[in-house]
Amino acid sequence: MKRCAQCGKEYPDEVLVCAIDQQPLQQVVSSPPAQAPLPAKSHKKSDFISLETMLIWAIVAVVILFIVGYILLFGFGLERDHAF
């Protein structure tokens, strides 16, 4: 590929002068396109769960498990009102 230094129009390799301004053409050296460097991954504070948040969720889970366990073991207490 060749290019005119005056106007920048590109021509095939067989052409010697620019058809527009009659200037000699220069060989274009094609280089691979430069890749932009990848941005470094920065860890945002929102990417991690804080220790306090994990502790709160653990406490909530334990409380729920105790409530469900109590209900399964002892029932809702409705049958206590019945006379035997």
Protein backbone atom coordinates (compact mmCIF):
# COMPACT_ATOMS: atom_id res chain seq x y z
CA MET A 1 0.00 0.00 0.00
CA LYS A 2 1.25 3.46 -0.90
CA ARG A 3 0.14 6.88 0.26
CA CYS A 4 0.51 10.40 -1.12
CA ALA A 5 2.51 12.60 1.24
CA GLN A 6 0.62 15.67 -0.02
CA CYS A 7 -3.06 14.67 0.19
CA GLY A 8 -2.95 11.36 2.11
CA LYS A 9 -4.86 9.32 -0.49
CA GLU A 10 -3.91 5.64 -0.52
CA TYR A 11 -3.09 3.64 -3.65
CA PRO A 12 -2.12 0.06 -4.51
CA ASP A 13 1.59 -0.77 -4.71
CA GLU A 14 1.63 -0.63 -8.54
CA VAL A 15 0.82 3.12 -8.70
CA LEU A 16 3.83 5.47 -8.64
CA VAL A 17 2.32 9.00 -8.53
CA CYS A 18 -0.81 10.50 -7.00
CA ALA A 19 -3.65 11.00 -9.48
CA ILE A 20 -4.78 14.15 -7.66
CA ASP A 21 -1.59 16.22 -7.21
CA GLN A 22 1.02 14.23 -9.20
CA GLN A 23 3.29 13.77 -6.18
CA PRO A 24 5.38 10.60 -5.78
CA LEU A 25 3.84 8.04 -3.45
CA GLN A 26 5.49 6.71 -0.31
CA GLN A 27 5.32 3.11 0.86
CA VAL A 28 3.04 2.69 3.88
CA VAL A 29 4.52 0.53 6.60
CA SER A 30 1.66 -1.28 8.24
CA SER A 31 2.19 -1.92 11.89
CA PRO A 32 -0.13 -3.97 14.05
CA PRO A 33 -2.68 -1.82 15.83
CA ALA A 34 -1.50 -0.79 19.25
CA GLN A 35 -3.52 -2.30 22.04
CA ALA A 36 -4.51 -0.12 24.90
CA PRO A 37 -3.18 -1.41 28.20
CA LEU A 38 -5.78 -3.15 30.30
CA PRO A 39 -6.77 -1.15 33.33
CA ALA A 40 -5.64 -2.62 36.60
CA LYS A 41 -8.52 -4.14 38.52
CA SER A 42 -9.03 -2.12 41.59
CA HIS A 43 -10.98 -3.64 44.41
CA LYS A 44 -13.73 -1.34 45.49
CA LYS A 45 -15.02 -1.36 48.99
CA SER A 46 -18.34 -2.61 47.63
CA ASP A 47 -16.61 -5.70 46.17
CA PHE A 48 -16.12 -7.21 49.61
CA ILE A 49 -18.53 -8.02 52.41
CA SER A 50 -17.31 -6.46 55.59
CA LEU A 51 -16.72 -8.51 58.71
CA GLU A 52 -19.51 -6.65 60.51
CA THR A 53 -22.00 -7.52 57.77
CA MET A 54 -21.03 -11.20 57.89
CA LEU A 55 -21.40 -11.20 61.68
CA ILE A 56 -24.87 -9.67 61.51
CA TRP A 57 -26.01 -12.23 58.92
CA ALA A 58 -24.59 -15.07 61.01
CA ILE A 59 -26.51 -13.86 64.08
CA VAL A 60 -29.72 -13.54 62.04
CA ALA A 61 -29.25 -17.09 60.69
CA VAL A 62 -28.69 -18.52 64.19
CA VAL A 63 -31.78 -16.77 65.55
CA ILE A 64 -33.90 -18.07 62.68
CA LEU A 65 -32.57 -21.59 63.22
CA PHE A 66 -33.42 -21.43 66.94
CA ILE A 67 -36.95 -20.23 66.20
CA VAL A 68 -37.55 -22.92 63.58
CA GLY A 69 -36.04 -25.57 65.86
CA TYR A 70 -38.23 -24.52 68.78
CA ILE A 71 -41.32 -24.64 66.59
CA LEU A 72 -40.42 -28.08 65.28
CA LEU A 73 -39.64 -29.49 68.73
CA PHE A 74 -42.41 -27.97 70.77
CA GLY A 75 -44.99 -26.96 68.17
CA PHE A 76 -46.95 -23.76 68.31
CA GLY A 77 -48.38 -24.56 71.74
CA LEU A 78 -51.94 -24.78 70.46
CA GLU A 79 -52.60 -28.26 71.78
CA ARG A 80 -51.93 -27.19 75.39
CA ASP A 81 -55.32 -25.54 75.57
CA HIS A 82 -57.14 -28.85 75.06
CA ALA A 83 -58.34 -30.81 78.08
CA PHE A 84 -57.32 -34.47 78.29
